Protein backbone atom coordinates (compact mmCIF):
# COMPACT_ATOMS: atom_id res chain seq x y z
CA MET A 1 24.12 -78.90 -82.50
CA ARG A 2 22.95 -80.96 -79.35
CA PRO A 3 25.47 -82.29 -77.55
CA ARG A 4 26.25 -85.99 -77.84
CA GLY A 5 24.74 -87.79 -74.97
CA ARG A 6 23.00 -84.84 -73.00
CA THR A 7 19.13 -85.46 -72.15
CA ARG A 8 16.81 -82.53 -72.30
CA PRO A 9 17.58 -80.27 -69.25
CA ARG A 10 14.92 -80.51 -66.23
CA THR A 11 12.71 -78.00 -65.46
CA ARG A 12 13.10 -76.01 -61.75
CA THR A 13 9.70 -77.33 -60.51
CA ARG A 14 7.02 -79.41 -61.39
CA ALA A 15 4.44 -76.61 -61.41
CA ARG A 16 6.77 -74.43 -63.71
CA SER A 17 7.28 -77.80 -65.90
CA THR A 18 3.68 -77.94 -66.26
CA ALA A 19 3.34 -74.41 -66.81
CA ARG A 20 5.75 -74.58 -69.85
CA ARG A 21 4.44 -77.44 -71.58
CA SER A 22 1.11 -75.85 -71.77
CA ARG A 23 2.80 -72.89 -73.05
CA ARG A 24 4.42 -75.10 -76.13
CA SER A 25 0.89 -75.39 -77.87
CA SER A 26 0.58 -71.45 -77.89
CA TYR A 27 2.20 -71.23 -81.56
CA ALA A 28 0.99 -74.79 -82.61
CA GLY A 29 -1.32 -73.73 -85.99
CA ARG A 30 -0.19 -70.39 -86.87
CA SER A 31 0.70 -69.45 -90.02
CA ARG A 32 4.56 -68.38 -90.23
CA PRO A 33 5.51 -65.96 -92.71
CA ARG A 34 7.78 -67.46 -95.63
CA SER A 35 10.45 -65.70 -97.19
CA PRO A 36 11.60 -66.27 -100.75
CA ASP A 37 14.94 -66.50 -102.20
CA SER A 38 15.89 -65.03 -105.59
CA SER A 39 14.33 -67.34 -107.69
CA GLY A 40 10.94 -66.96 -105.89
CA THR A 41 11.23 -70.11 -104.13
CA LEU A 42 9.95 -70.19 -99.97
CA ARG A 43 12.74 -70.73 -97.72
CA VAL A 44 10.58 -72.07 -94.71
CA SER A 45 14.46 -71.72 -92.85
CA ASP A 46 14.10 -68.26 -92.93
CA ALA A 47 10.97 -67.79 -91.22
CA PHE A 48 10.11 -67.80 -87.67
CA ASP A 49 7.89 -66.97 -84.87
CA VAL A 50 10.15 -64.66 -83.27
CA ALA A 51 13.41 -62.84 -84.30
CA VAL A 52 15.42 -61.59 -81.61
CA VAL A 53 18.19 -58.98 -82.40
CA GLY A 54 21.33 -59.20 -80.02
CA GLY A 55 23.37 -61.65 -78.46
CA GLY A 56 23.67 -60.05 -75.05
CA ILE A 57 22.35 -61.33 -71.61
CA ILE A 58 18.90 -59.86 -72.57
CA GLY A 59 18.40 -61.10 -76.00
CA CYS A 60 20.05 -64.42 -75.34
CA ALA A 61 17.26 -64.68 -72.19
CA CYS A 62 14.95 -63.76 -74.12
CA ALA A 63 15.90 -66.54 -76.76
CA TYR A 64 15.87 -69.23 -73.85
CA GLU A 65 12.45 -68.02 -72.54
CA LEU A 66 10.94 -68.43 -76.03
CA ALA A 67 12.45 -71.72 -77.09
CA THR A 68 11.72 -73.18 -73.64
CA ARG A 69 8.23 -72.29 -74.51
CA GLY A 70 8.26 -74.02 -78.16
CA ALA A 71 8.46 -70.95 -80.25
CA SER A 72 10.56 -71.22 -82.96
CA VAL A 73 13.23 -68.61 -82.87
CA VAL A 74 16.18 -67.06 -84.54
CA LEU A 75 18.90 -65.28 -82.39
CA LEU A 76 20.96 -62.68 -84.54
CA GLU A 77 24.00 -61.37 -83.17
CA ARG A 78 26.61 -59.24 -85.49
CA GLU A 79 29.72 -60.22 -83.45
CA GLN A 80 29.73 -63.03 -81.21
CA ILE A 81 27.54 -64.00 -78.18
CA ALA A 82 28.54 -61.88 -74.89
CA ALA A 83 31.01 -59.90 -77.30
CA GLY A 84 29.71 -56.58 -75.53
CA ALA A 85 29.02 -55.22 -72.26
CA SER A 86 27.33 -58.67 -71.14
CA GLY A 87 30.82 -60.49 -71.03
CA ARG A 88 32.34 -57.22 -69.87
CA ASN A 89 31.10 -56.35 -66.38
CA HIS A 90 31.46 -57.26 -62.54
CA GLY A 91 28.17 -60.13 -62.95
CA LEU A 92 27.21 -59.16 -59.75
CA LEU A 93 23.40 -60.07 -58.79
CA LEU A 94 22.44 -57.10 -56.57
CA THR A 95 19.43 -56.50 -55.10
CA PRO A 96 17.86 -53.21 -57.13
CA LEU A 97 17.58 -50.17 -55.21
CA ASP A 98 14.16 -49.65 -56.87
CA ALA A 99 11.14 -51.84 -55.72
CA ALA A 100 9.79 -51.87 -59.06
CA LEU A 101 12.29 -53.76 -60.18
CA LEU A 102 12.46 -56.65 -57.40
CA PRO A 103 9.91 -59.02 -59.31
CA MET A 104 12.36 -59.06 -62.24
CA ALA A 105 15.47 -59.71 -60.39
CA ALA A 106 13.96 -62.43 -58.49
CA ARG A 107 12.45 -64.18 -61.68
CA SER A 108 16.44 -63.62 -63.00
CA SER A 109 17.90 -65.12 -60.20
CA ALA A 110 15.64 -68.23 -60.51
CA THR A 111 16.51 -68.63 -63.95
CA TYR A 112 20.27 -68.60 -63.86
CA GLU A 113 19.91 -71.08 -61.12
CA ASP A 114 18.60 -73.25 -64.10
CA VAL A 115 21.37 -72.21 -66.26
CA VAL A 116 23.97 -73.16 -63.79
CA ARG A 117 22.35 -76.72 -63.50
CA ASP A 118 21.61 -77.48 -67.22
CA ALA A 119 23.88 -75.34 -69.53
CA PRO A 120 26.64 -77.61 -71.27
CA LEU A 121 29.55 -75.30 -69.96
CA ARG A 122 30.34 -74.49 -66.55
CA VAL A 123 29.04 -70.97 -65.21
CA HIS A 124 30.30 -69.86 -61.66
CA LEU A 125 27.34 -68.56 -59.40
CA ASP A 126 28.20 -67.86 -55.51
CA PRO A 127 25.22 -70.03 -53.78
CA SER A 128 24.59 -67.20 -51.35
CA PRO A 129 25.63 -63.46 -50.88
CA ILE A 130 29.57 -62.51 -50.24
CA GLY A 131 28.43 -58.97 -48.82
CA LEU A 132 28.79 -55.55 -50.07
CA LEU A 133 30.63 -53.22 -47.54
CA ILE A 134 29.77 -49.51 -48.42
CA VAL A 135 32.69 -47.48 -46.88
CA ALA A 136 33.44 -43.85 -45.97
CA GLU A 137 35.59 -41.21 -45.26
CA ASP A 138 33.96 -38.17 -44.34
CA ASP A 139 30.66 -36.95 -42.72
CA VAL A 140 29.30 -36.50 -46.71
CA GLU A 141 30.24 -39.83 -47.33
CA ARG A 142 28.98 -41.01 -44.22
CA GLU A 143 25.54 -39.55 -44.77
CA ALA A 144 25.68 -41.19 -48.47
CA ALA A 145 26.48 -44.51 -47.10
CA ARG A 146 23.50 -44.45 -44.72
CA GLU A 147 21.18 -43.46 -47.30
CA GLU A 148 22.51 -45.81 -49.57
CA ALA A 149 21.96 -48.84 -46.76
CA GLU A 150 18.69 -47.60 -45.38
CA THR A 151 17.52 -47.92 -49.47
CA ALA A 152 18.62 -51.11 -49.47
CA ALA A 153 16.93 -52.17 -46.26
CA ALA A 154 13.90 -50.79 -47.73
CA CYS A 155 14.26 -53.28 -50.51
CA GLY A 156 14.89 -56.47 -48.11
CA VAL A 157 18.37 -56.28 -47.88
CA PRO A 158 19.74 -57.07 -43.82
CA ILE A 159 22.17 -54.35 -43.39
CA GLU A 160 24.46 -53.74 -40.23
CA ALA A 161 26.43 -50.30 -39.31
CA VAL A 162 30.07 -51.06 -38.55
CA ASP A 163 33.21 -48.77 -37.54
CA GLY A 164 36.32 -48.84 -35.77
CA SER A 165 37.71 -52.14 -34.88
CA ALA A 166 34.97 -54.04 -36.14
CA LEU A 167 35.60 -52.47 -39.87
CA ARG A 168 39.22 -53.40 -39.55
CA GLU A 169 38.10 -56.90 -38.25
CA LEU A 170 36.17 -57.12 -41.65
CA GLU A 171 38.68 -55.94 -44.07
CA PRO A 172 42.33 -55.89 -42.41
CA ALA A 173 43.51 -54.08 -45.79
CA LEU A 174 41.29 -51.44 -46.12
CA ALA A 175 42.69 -47.55 -45.96
CA PRO A 176 42.88 -46.56 -42.49
CA GLU A 177 41.14 -42.92 -43.19
CA LEU A 178 38.21 -45.05 -44.65
CA SER A 179 36.61 -45.22 -40.93
CA SER A 180 32.97 -46.21 -40.91
CA GLY A 181 30.55 -48.01 -43.20
CA TRP A 182 27.53 -50.53 -43.73
CA LEU A 183 27.19 -53.68 -44.35
CA LEU A 184 24.79 -55.29 -46.62
CA GLN A 185 23.99 -58.92 -46.95
CA ASP A 186 23.76 -58.96 -50.45
CA GLY A 187 25.74 -59.51 -53.80
CA ARG A 188 26.31 -62.80 -55.45
CA ARG A 189 28.86 -63.15 -58.21
CA VAL A 190 27.83 -64.98 -61.74
CA ASP A 191 30.51 -65.30 -64.54
CA PRO A 192 28.61 -63.24 -67.08
CA ALA A 193 30.33 -64.30 -70.43
CA ALA A 194 29.66 -67.90 -69.25
CA LEU A 195 25.85 -66.97 -68.27
CA THR A 196 25.19 -65.50 -71.40
CA VAL A 197 26.77 -68.19 -73.42
CA GLY A 198 24.62 -70.66 -71.28
CA LEU A 199 21.66 -68.88 -72.00
CA ALA A 200 22.32 -68.95 -76.01
CA LEU A 201 23.37 -72.90 -76.00
CA LEU A 202 19.92 -73.70 -74.13
CA ALA A 203 18.18 -72.00 -76.27
CA ARG A 204 19.88 -73.70 -79.27
CA GLU A 205 19.46 -77.25 -77.38
CA ARG A 206 15.66 -76.13 -77.49
CA GLY A 207 15.50 -75.60 -81.02
CA ALA A 208 16.27 -71.98 -81.38
CA ASP A 209 18.70 -70.99 -84.39
CA VAL A 210 21.48 -68.98 -83.04
CA ARG A 211 23.21 -66.85 -85.69
CA THR A 212 26.49 -65.04 -84.94
CA GLY A 213 28.45 -62.68 -87.35
CA GLU A 214 25.29 -61.69 -88.93
CA THR A 215 23.95 -57.77 -88.52
CA VAL A 216 20.70 -56.48 -88.78
CA ARG A 217 20.26 -53.66 -90.95
CA SER A 218 16.66 -53.00 -90.87
CA VAL A 219 13.60 -53.79 -89.53
CA ILE A 220 10.48 -54.87 -92.20
CA ARG A 221 7.12 -53.21 -92.08
CA GLY A 222 4.36 -54.25 -94.26
CA SER A 223 0.33 -54.25 -93.80
CA GLY A 224 0.46 -52.11 -90.69
CA ARG A 225 2.99 -54.05 -88.91
CA VAL A 226 6.57 -55.56 -88.36
CA THR A 227 7.19 -58.50 -90.22
CA GLY A 228 10.54 -59.48 -89.91
CA VAL A 229 14.16 -57.92 -90.23
CA VAL A 230 16.74 -57.57 -93.31
CA THR A 231 20.46 -58.70 -92.24
CA ASP A 232 23.73 -58.45 -94.30
CA ARG A 233 22.96 -62.28 -95.64
CA GLY A 234 19.30 -61.08 -96.80
CA PRO A 235 15.56 -60.92 -95.12
CA ILE A 236 14.19 -62.88 -92.35
CA LEU A 237 10.37 -63.21 -91.71
CA ALA A 238 8.81 -63.47 -88.12
CA SER A 239 5.84 -63.14 -86.78
CA THR A 240 7.47 -60.62 -83.80
CA VAL A 241 10.69 -59.14 -83.70
CA VAL A 242 12.28 -58.50 -80.36
CA LEU A 243 14.85 -55.44 -80.53
CA ALA A 244 17.50 -56.41 -77.34
CA ALA A 245 20.29 -54.59 -79.30
CA GLY A 246 21.42 -52.71 -76.29
CA PRO A 247 22.13 -48.94 -76.98
CA TRP A 248 21.53 -49.94 -81.02
CA THR A 249 17.96 -50.43 -80.38
CA ALA A 250 16.92 -46.77 -80.42
CA THR A 251 18.53 -46.63 -84.26
CA LEU A 252 17.03 -49.51 -85.19
CA ALA A 253 13.13 -48.85 -84.06
CA ARG A 254 13.25 -44.80 -85.09
CA PRO A 255 12.62 -45.44 -88.91
CA LEU A 256 9.44 -47.38 -88.20
CA GLY A 257 8.06 -44.11 -85.90
CA VAL A 258 9.33 -45.34 -82.37
CA ASP A 259 11.48 -42.75 -80.82
CA LEU A 260 13.31 -44.55 -77.65
CA PRO A 261 15.18 -42.53 -75.07
CA ILE A 262 17.74 -45.21 -74.90
CA ALA A 263 21.44 -43.86 -74.97
CA GLY A 264 24.95 -45.46 -74.63
CA ALA A 265 26.82 -45.70 -71.58
CA ARG A 266 30.50 -46.71 -71.33
CA GLY A 267 31.95 -48.51 -68.14
CA TRP A 268 35.38 -49.83 -67.53
CA LEU A 269 36.88 -52.46 -65.47
CA VAL A 270 40.19 -53.12 -64.46
CA HIS A 271 41.69 -56.47 -63.51
CA LEU A 272 44.23 -57.28 -61.00
CA GLY A 273 46.64 -59.76 -59.49
CA ALA A 274 45.93 -58.93 -56.00
CA ASN A 275 48.18 -61.24 -54.18
CA GLY A 276 46.26 -60.98 -51.00
CA ALA A 277 45.97 -57.32 -50.72
CA GLY A 278 42.62 -56.81 -51.98
CA PRO A 279 39.22 -57.46 -50.13
CA SER A 280 37.23 -60.21 -48.86
CA ARG A 281 33.94 -58.93 -50.16
CA LEU A 282 32.43 -56.49 -52.22
CA ILE A 283 33.70 -53.04 -51.20
CA GLY A 284 31.98 -50.18 -52.37
CA ARG A 285 33.00 -46.40 -51.56
CA ALA A 286 29.58 -44.45 -50.80
CA GLY A 287 28.01 -42.71 -53.74
CA TRP A 288 28.84 -44.95 -56.59
CA HIS A 289 25.32 -45.50 -57.59
CA LEU A 290 23.41 -44.12 -60.53
CA VAL A 291 19.94 -43.88 -60.06
CA SER A 292 17.07 -41.59 -61.05
CA GLU A 293 15.26 -39.90 -58.66
CA ARG A 294 17.47 -38.50 -55.47
CA GLU A 295 19.08 -35.36 -55.52
CA THR A 296 21.29 -36.50 -52.14
CA PRO A 297 24.97 -36.72 -51.68
CA ALA A 298 24.33 -40.97 -51.90
CA PHE A 299 23.33 -40.98 -55.62
CA LEU A 300 24.27 -39.40 -58.81
CA THR A 301 21.04 -38.82 -60.78
CA ALA A 302 20.45 -39.00 -64.37
CA ARG A 303 19.78 -35.33 -64.56
CA THR A 304 22.94 -34.34 -62.30
CA TRP A 305 24.97 -36.77 -65.05
CA ALA A 306 23.53 -35.35 -67.89
CA ALA A 307 24.55 -31.77 -66.87
CA GLU A 308 28.25 -33.05 -66.42
CA GLY A 309 28.19 -33.38 -70.40
CA SER A 310 30.73 -36.38 -71.40
CA ARG A 311 33.28 -36.24 -68.54
CA PRO A 312 33.68 -39.62 -67.11
CA PHE A 313 32.31 -40.55 -63.53
CA VAL A 314 34.76 -42.86 -61.47
CA GLY A 315 33.41 -44.14 -58.37
CA GLY A 316 35.05 -46.78 -56.55
CA LEU A 317 33.87 -50.49 -56.50
CA VAL A 318 36.37 -53.40 -55.67
CA GLN A 319 35.34 -57.03 -56.38
CA PRO A 320 37.58 -60.16 -54.86
CA ASN A 321 36.94 -63.03 -57.76
CA PRO A 322 37.05 -66.57 -56.74
CA ASP A 323 40.48 -67.03 -58.10
CA GLY A 324 41.89 -64.62 -56.07
CA THR A 325 42.30 -61.71 -58.52
CA VAL A 326 40.18 -58.29 -58.01
CA LEU A 327 38.09 -56.32 -60.23
CA ALA A 328 37.95 -52.55 -59.89
CA GLY A 329 35.54 -50.67 -61.57
CA GLY A 330 32.48 -48.13 -60.86
CA SER A 331 32.70 -45.85 -63.93
CA ARG A 332 30.62 -44.51 -66.68
CA ALA A 333 30.58 -41.92 -69.43
CA TRP A 334 28.10 -41.02 -72.32
CA ALA A 335 29.22 -43.07 -75.55
CA VAL A 336 28.76 -42.30 -79.09
CA THR A 337 30.60 -45.12 -80.53
CA GLU A 338 32.28 -48.36 -79.04
CA GLU A 339 35.66 -47.06 -78.84
CA PRO A 340 36.89 -45.81 -75.62
CA GLU A 341 37.11 -41.94 -75.70
CA ASP A 342 39.43 -41.64 -72.27
CA PRO A 343 42.13 -43.64 -72.17
CA GLU A 344 42.71 -42.39 -68.52
CA VAL A 345 39.60 -43.80 -66.96
CA PRO A 346 41.42 -47.03 -66.19
CA ARG A 347 44.22 -45.44 -64.37
CA LYS A 348 41.76 -43.27 -62.73
CA ILE A 349 39.74 -46.81 -61.52
CA LEU A 350 43.00 -48.08 -60.44
CA SER A 351 44.00 -44.81 -58.48
CA SER A 352 40.47 -44.97 -56.70
CA ALA A 353 41.01 -48.69 -55.87
CA VAL A 354 44.36 -47.94 -54.65
CA ARG A 355 43.04 -45.25 -52.33
CA MET A 356 40.63 -47.64 -50.71
CA PHE A 357 43.43 -50.51 -50.65
CA PRO A 358 46.71 -49.45 -50.67
CA GLY A 359 48.37 -52.80 -51.01
CA LEU A 360 46.69 -52.65 -54.67
CA ALA A 361 49.49 -50.10 -55.52
CA GLU A 362 51.88 -53.41 -55.77
CA ALA A 363 49.29 -55.44 -57.92
CA ARG A 364 49.74 -56.59 -61.25
CA PRO A 365 47.30 -55.33 -63.76
CA LEU A 366 46.24 -58.26 -65.93
CA ALA A 367 43.54 -56.40 -68.38
CA ALA A 368 41.09 -53.87 -69.07
CA TRP A 369 38.00 -53.84 -70.41
CA TRP A 370 35.04 -51.35 -71.63
CA GLY A 371 31.66 -51.79 -72.90
CA VAL A 372 28.86 -49.79 -73.65
CA ARG A 373 25.48 -50.23 -71.94
CA PRO A 374 22.05 -48.81 -72.89
CA VAL A 375 20.56 -46.44 -70.49
CA THR A 376 17.08 -44.24 -69.96
CA PRO A 377 16.61 -41.26 -68.38
CA ASP A 378 14.91 -42.86 -64.93
CA ASP A 379 17.20 -46.03 -65.08
CA ARG A 380 14.79 -48.40 -65.54
CA PRO A 381 14.62 -50.83 -68.64
CA ILE A 382 12.07 -50.46 -71.53
CA VAL A 383 10.59 -53.91 -71.95
CA ALA A 384 6.85 -53.47 -73.85
CA ARG A 385 5.39 -54.15 -77.40
CA VAL A 386 5.72 -51.03 -79.47
CA ALA A 387 4.15 -51.87 -82.45
CA ASP A 388 2.50 -54.54 -83.59
CA GLY A 389 4.86 -57.42 -84.14
CA LEU A 390 7.73 -55.44 -82.33
CA ILE A 391 9.17 -55.79 -78.97
CA VAL A 392 11.50 -53.94 -77.38
CA ALA A 393 13.53 -55.20 -74.41
CA SER A 394 16.57 -52.55 -73.89
CA GLY A 395 17.79 -49.81 -71.46
CA HIS A 396 18.93 -52.08 -68.55
CA GLY A 397 22.39 -49.79 -68.18
CA SER A 398 24.29 -51.41 -65.32
CA GLN A 399 21.50 -54.18 -64.50
CA GLY A 400 21.44 -56.13 -67.19
CA VAL A 401 22.77 -59.27 -65.06
CA ILE A 402 20.33 -58.28 -62.50
CA LEU A 403 17.34 -58.18 -64.57
CA GLY A 404 18.14 -60.09 -67.80
CA GLY A 405 16.22 -63.82 -66.95
CA GLY A 406 12.98 -61.87 -65.66
CA THR A 407 13.34 -59.57 -69.11
CA GLY A 408 13.15 -62.95 -70.99
CA GLU A 409 10.16 -64.32 -69.12
CA LEU A 410 8.45 -60.82 -69.43
CA VAL A 411 9.41 -60.82 -73.37
CA ALA A 412 8.04 -64.53 -73.75
CA ALA A 413 4.82 -63.77 -72.23
CA LEU A 414 4.29 -60.60 -74.35
CA ALA A 415 5.19 -62.25 -77.40
CA GLN A 416 2.54 -64.98 -76.75
CA GLY A 417 -0.25 -62.72 -75.37
CA GLU A 418 -0.09 -64.55 -71.82
CA PRO A 419 -0.40 -62.66 -68.61
CA PRO A 420 2.68 -61.05 -67.58
CA PRO A 421 4.62 -62.83 -64.70
CA PHE A 422 4.83 -59.16 -62.91
CA ASP A 423 3.39 -55.97 -63.32
CA PRO A 424 5.22 -54.77 -66.72
CA ALA A 425 3.80 -50.77 -66.05
CA PRO A 426 7.12 -49.57 -64.69
CA PHE A 427 8.89 -50.95 -68.21
CA ALA A 428 6.54 -49.60 -70.24
CA PRO A 429 7.79 -46.65 -72.63
CA ASP A 430 4.74 -44.52 -72.38
CA ARG A 431 5.79 -43.46 -68.89
CA PHE A 432 8.34 -40.91 -70.44
CA ALA A 433 5.60 -39.30 -72.40
CA ARG A 434 3.44 -39.00 -68.89
CA THR A 435 6.28 -37.11 -66.93
CA MET A 436 6.55 -34.62 -69.97
CA VAL A 437 2.75 -33.33 -69.52
């Protein structure tokens, strides 16, 4: 339902407004599939141009972009919008340490500026980076911090080496044994749950049918193409189905003969009342990242992680919130179910945070959360048309917020048969087949 008195949201520039107006005719005149009810009567309300499966940041961004372009869209979420990992994360817009992801990340940031301006709820987004300080204790960590900083610099992030009194001036509460580091001018905070809900509300304002509490059981295929989905409430027909169901995307695609290397990875967060004992910017212990192609102290690779089996990895990332509280995280473990399999992980996260900021030992724990993130072997998402009528948008790992808006734009272009907004090759699933030859 459109809020009373609300006018149609503005587009971000005249050029973009003109482009989107021209796209609104893309679905005009197309015949939409129709779904019969039990009496054989056609139910037009259950026939759409696009059915998007998944109400996380990726699915909501896809629905938002498609609805903005004039497509009839149904967004299907089995629980509530942002109920999973999209509402349970740090909400950080960090520069990806992978040049192939930079255009998608840039598009995402631009989209979120629109959401902050237009959404019918308040969405916090830092106007500028608050800074990321990568700290180190010994020679191994110092080398890891240097490599991570130089990788960020190659992706356009300003960096600066800091140690001694300069480091203490930046973060007086930091543990004394953390004696050196690198300051990166990076990291904007956004409320991830509000951002995801904002995308869904704007999609609905622009005509999307947003359905929560409706579970997709399977994808319908007929006459050589995908034609819709079956939910626990019945069939829904669509010219295009977008699978943005996180780690469950592969399960929905497999019966169609589409094998996707997407697995679940659980991450935890601990929320603390810091009482001034925390940092003034993002603080990461050297080596807390997971990336794909580096076998060095700075980076835990997908292969190294797989070799460790199901043992949780707990790094160190401490984030100050605008309200004075602190989020501590930097963890991951393979996930088979949504239930937490290691109740000790939040304690380990808290212990890691206290080693970095001893004053947090007196902080009051407010809550602990976990979410299951979809990951791929190379830590890049799969965003591509994988069959006639079927698009996949999943595998973003811990970068769902960073890449969500750009993913929505790419999916909208794929669904409409338009030129992509950036090079889609890094997100094609056949890249995995090529690496196995």
